[in-house]
Amino acid sequence: MELLLPDSVKTVLMGLIATAIVLGWLAPRFPQVAWLQVFRLPRRHMSPEEQERRRRAGNRHAAVEIMLGGLILPLLYIGSKVMMFDEPTAFGITLVALGSLACFGTGIWLLVRNW
């Protein structure tokens, strides 16, 4: 990366990026300052129905992620045991199975609740 940009240019670019972030953060907090509003990000106003629809879609997405976590949990346990040349224990398998079932149960409950 040293060949592309010298350190002085990297420093100036980082300063400009930090300044833009700070100005974008300050713009909504000081709406009375006109020149600062140039840095304000556009905001989409949603109706309450659309907000509710998006909230439910987000909850369904989170439920699917929790269920995927329940799928990955046993794979991680077995994979870590194999990588460490260790034998999986009955207690560990039971604990992982209970955690996986808990993730699946929580995910299904969230899906049913938010459908």
C-alpha atoms as a PDB file:
ATOM      1  CA  MET A   1       0.000   0.000   0.000  1.00  0.00           C
ATOM      2  CA  GLU A   2       2.990   2.217   0.552  1.00  0.00           C
ATOM      3  CA  LEU A   3       3.570   2.271  -3.202  1.00  0.00           C
ATOM      4  CA  LEU A   4       0.107   3.646  -3.974  1.00  0.00           C
ATOM      5  CA  LEU A   5      -0.085   6.561  -1.557  1.00  0.00           C
ATOM      6  CA  PRO A   6       2.550   8.227   0.587  1.00  0.00           C
ATOM      7  CA  ASP A   7       1.913   8.526   4.319  1.00  0.00           C
ATOM      8  CA  SER A   8       1.221  12.262   4.110  1.00  0.00           C
ATOM      9  CA  VAL A   9      -1.611  11.710   1.587  1.00  0.00           C
ATOM     10  CA  LYS A  10      -3.046   8.926   3.747  1.00  0.00           C
ATOM     11  CA  THR A  11      -3.025  11.265   6.741  1.00  0.00           C
ATOM     12  CA  VAL A  12      -4.817  14.036   4.833  1.00  0.00           C
ATOM     13  CA  LEU A  13      -7.436  11.606   3.480  1.00  0.00           C
ATOM     14  CA  MET A  14      -8.058  10.183   6.937  1.00  0.00           C
ATOM     15  CA  GLY A  15      -8.488  13.703   8.308  1.00  0.00           C
ATOM     16  CA  LEU A  16     -10.990  14.568   5.563  1.00  0.00           C
ATOM     17  CA  ILE A  17     -12.972  11.393   6.194  1.00  0.00           C
ATOM     18  CA  ALA A  18     -13.039  12.039   9.955  1.00  0.00           C
ATOM     19  CA  THR A  19     -14.144  15.653   9.357  1.00  0.00           C
ATOM     20  CA  ALA A  20     -16.980  14.524   7.054  1.00  0.00           C
ATOM     21  CA  ILE A  21     -18.173  11.985   9.626  1.00  0.00           C
ATOM     22  CA  VAL A  22     -18.155  14.564  12.414  1.00  0.00           C
ATOM     23  CA  LEU A  23     -19.994  17.134  10.277  1.00  0.00           C
ATOM     24  CA  GLY A  24     -22.584  14.514   9.302  1.00  0.00           C
ATOM     25  CA  TRP A  25     -23.039  13.690  12.977  1.00  0.00           C
ATOM     26  CA  LEU A  26     -23.410  17.364  13.959  1.00  0.00           C
ATOM     27  CA  ALA A  27     -25.882  18.327  11.195  1.00  0.00           C
ATOM     28  CA  PRO A  28     -29.054  16.791  12.731  1.00  0.00           C
ATOM     29  CA  ARG A  29     -28.107  18.052  16.193  1.00  0.00           C
ATOM     30  CA  PHE A  30     -27.873  21.668  15.072  1.00  0.00           C
ATOM     31  CA  PRO A  31     -30.681  22.255  12.551  1.00  0.00           C
ATOM     32  CA  GLN A  32     -30.434  26.049  12.972  1.00  0.00           C
ATOM     33  CA  VAL A  33     -26.950  26.139  11.374  1.00  0.00           C
ATOM     34  CA  ALA A  34     -27.666  26.442   7.635  1.00  0.00           C
ATOM     35  CA  TRP A  35     -24.223  25.599   6.249  1.00  0.00           C
ATOM     36  CA  LEU A  36     -24.081  22.447   8.356  1.00  0.00           C
ATOM     37  CA  GLN A  37     -27.273  21.094   6.744  1.00  0.00           C
ATOM     38  CA  VAL A  38     -25.329  20.408   3.541  1.00  0.00           C
ATOM     39  CA  PHE A  39     -23.766  17.438   5.358  1.00  0.00           C
ATOM     40  CA  ARG A  40     -27.099  16.074   6.594  1.00  0.00           C
ATOM     41  CA  LEU A  41     -27.933  12.656   5.197  1.00  0.00           C
ATOM     42  CA  PRO A  42     -31.306  12.301   3.464  1.00  0.00           C
ATOM     43  CA  ARG A  43     -33.941  10.703   5.630  1.00  0.00           C
ATOM     44  CA  ARG A  44     -36.852   8.687   4.336  1.00  0.00           C
ATOM     45  CA  HIS A  45     -40.088   9.230   6.237  1.00  0.00           C
ATOM     46  CA  MET A  46     -42.139   6.077   6.569  1.00  0.00           C
ATOM     47  CA  SER A  47     -45.771   5.658   7.449  1.00  0.00           C
ATOM     48  CA  PRO A  48     -46.583   3.765  10.662  1.00  0.00           C
ATOM     49  CA  GLU A  49     -47.799   0.809   8.559  1.00  0.00           C
ATOM     50  CA  GLU A  50     -44.474   0.623   6.727  1.00  0.00           C
ATOM     51  CA  GLN A  51     -42.574   0.916  10.006  1.00  0.00           C
ATOM     52  CA  GLU A  52     -44.598  -1.976  11.421  1.00  0.00           C
ATOM     53  CA  ARG A  53     -44.006  -4.049   8.271  1.00  0.00           C
ATOM     54  CA  ARG A  54     -40.263  -3.435   8.447  1.00  0.00           C
ATOM     55  CA  ARG A  55     -40.174  -4.234  12.154  1.00  0.00           C
ATOM     56  CA  ARG A  56     -41.917  -7.559  11.559  1.00  0.00           C
ATOM     57  CA  ALA A  57     -39.598  -8.360   8.636  1.00  0.00           C
ATOM     58  CA  GLY A  58     -36.605  -7.598  10.861  1.00  0.00           C
ATOM     59  CA  ASN A  59     -37.973  -9.861  13.574  1.00  0.00           C
ATOM     60  CA  ARG A  60     -38.452 -12.679  11.060  1.00  0.00           C
ATOM     61  CA  HIS A  61     -34.905 -12.160   9.814  1.00  0.00           C
ATOM     62  CA  ALA A  62     -33.608 -12.343  13.394  1.00  0.00           C
ATOM     63  CA  ALA A  63     -35.600 -15.562  13.964  1.00  0.00           C
ATOM     64  CA  VAL A  64     -34.004 -17.182  10.907  1.00  0.00           C
ATOM     65  CA  GLU A  65     -30.558 -16.080  12.126  1.00  0.00           C
ATOM     66  CA  ILE A  66     -31.208 -17.639  15.548  1.00  0.00           C
ATOM     67  CA  MET A  67     -32.285 -20.877  13.881  1.00  0.00           C
ATOM     68  CA  LEU A  68     -29.122 -20.857  11.741  1.00  0.00           C
ATOM     69  CA  GLY A  69     -27.134 -20.367  14.935  1.00  0.00           C
ATOM     70  CA  GLY A  70     -28.814 -23.519  16.238  1.00  0.00           C
ATOM     71  CA  LEU A  71     -27.618 -25.348  13.127  1.00  0.00           C
ATOM     72  CA  ILE A  72     -24.072 -24.051  13.356  1.00  0.00           C
ATOM     73  CA  LEU A  73     -23.631 -24.694  17.088  1.00  0.00           C
ATOM     74  CA  PRO A  74     -23.151 -28.499  16.792  1.00  0.00           C
ATOM     75  CA  LEU A  75     -20.883 -28.035  13.769  1.00  0.00           C
ATOM     76  CA  LEU A  76     -18.691 -25.643  15.740  1.00  0.00           C
ATOM     77  CA  TYR A  77     -18.504 -28.021  18.682  1.00  0.00           C
ATOM     78  CA  ILE A  78     -17.571 -31.034  16.605  1.00  0.00           C
ATOM     79  CA  GLY A  79     -15.216 -28.954  14.451  1.00  0.00           C
ATOM     80  CA  SER A  80     -13.381 -27.565  17.470  1.00  0.00           C
ATOM     81  CA  LYS A  81     -13.057 -31.031  18.985  1.00  0.00           C
ATOM     82  CA  VAL A  82     -11.629 -32.395  15.724  1.00  0.00           C
ATOM     83  CA  MET A  83      -9.223 -29.466  15.335  1.00  0.00           C
ATOM     84  CA  MET A  84      -7.904 -29.973  18.876  1.00  0.00           C
ATOM     85  CA  PHE A  85      -7.630 -33.761  18.424  1.00  0.00           C
ATOM     86  CA  ASP A  86      -9.988 -34.232  21.339  1.00  0.00           C
ATOM     87  CA  GLU A  87     -12.889 -36.614  21.876  1.00  0.00           C
ATOM     88  CA  PRO A  88     -16.399 -35.125  22.131  1.00  0.00           C
ATOM     89  CA  THR A  89     -17.833 -35.835  25.569  1.00  0.00           C
ATOM     90  CA  ALA A  90     -21.385 -36.936  26.304  1.00  0.00           C
ATOM     91  CA  PHE A  91     -21.870 -33.869  28.510  1.00  0.00           C
ATOM     92  CA  GLY A  92     -20.650 -31.549  25.748  1.00  0.00           C
ATOM     93  CA  ILE A  93     -22.865 -33.155  23.126  1.00  0.00           C
ATOM     94  CA  THR A  94     -25.855 -32.943  25.482  1.00  0.00           C
ATOM     95  CA  LEU A  95     -25.139 -29.296  26.237  1.00  0.00           C
ATOM     96  CA  VAL A  96     -24.754 -28.454  22.540  1.00  0.00           C
ATOM     97  CA  ALA A  97     -27.934 -30.359  21.670  1.00  0.00           C
ATOM     98  CA  LEU A  98     -29.885 -28.471  24.343  1.00  0.00           C
ATOM     99  CA  GLY A  99     -28.489 -25.159  23.115  1.00  0.00           C
ATOM    100  CA  SER A 100     -29.344 -26.043  19.541  1.00  0.00           C
ATOM    101  CA  LEU A 101     -32.889 -27.027  20.500  1.00  0.00           C
ATOM    102  CA  ALA A 102     -33.249 -23.810  22.482  1.00  0.00           C
ATOM    103  CA  CYS A 103     -32.155 -21.796  19.429  1.00  0.00           C
ATOM    104  CA  PHE A 104     -34.579 -23.660  17.185  1.00  0.00           C
ATOM    105  CA  GLY A 105     -37.421 -23.260  19.677  1.00  0.00           C
ATOM    106  CA  THR A 106     -36.774 -19.550  20.083  1.00  0.00           C
ATOM    107  CA  GLY A 107     -36.530 -19.057  16.323  1.00  0.00           C
ATOM    108  CA  ILE A 108     -39.774 -20.915  15.644  1.00  0.00           C
ATOM    109  CA  TRP A 109     -41.534 -19.025  18.435  1.00  0.00           C
ATOM    110  CA  LEU A 110     -40.373 -15.688  16.968  1.00  0.00           C
ATOM    111  CA  LEU A 111     -41.436 -16.708  13.460  1.00  0.00           C
ATOM    112  CA  VAL A 112     -44.917 -17.717  14.621  1.00  0.00           C
ATOM    113  CA  ARG A 113     -45.283 -14.602  16.758  1.00  0.00           C
ATOM    114  CA  ASN A 114     -44.304 -12.210  13.954  1.00  0.00           C
ATOM    115  CA  TRP A 115     -45.983 -13.824  10.971  1.00  0.00           C
END
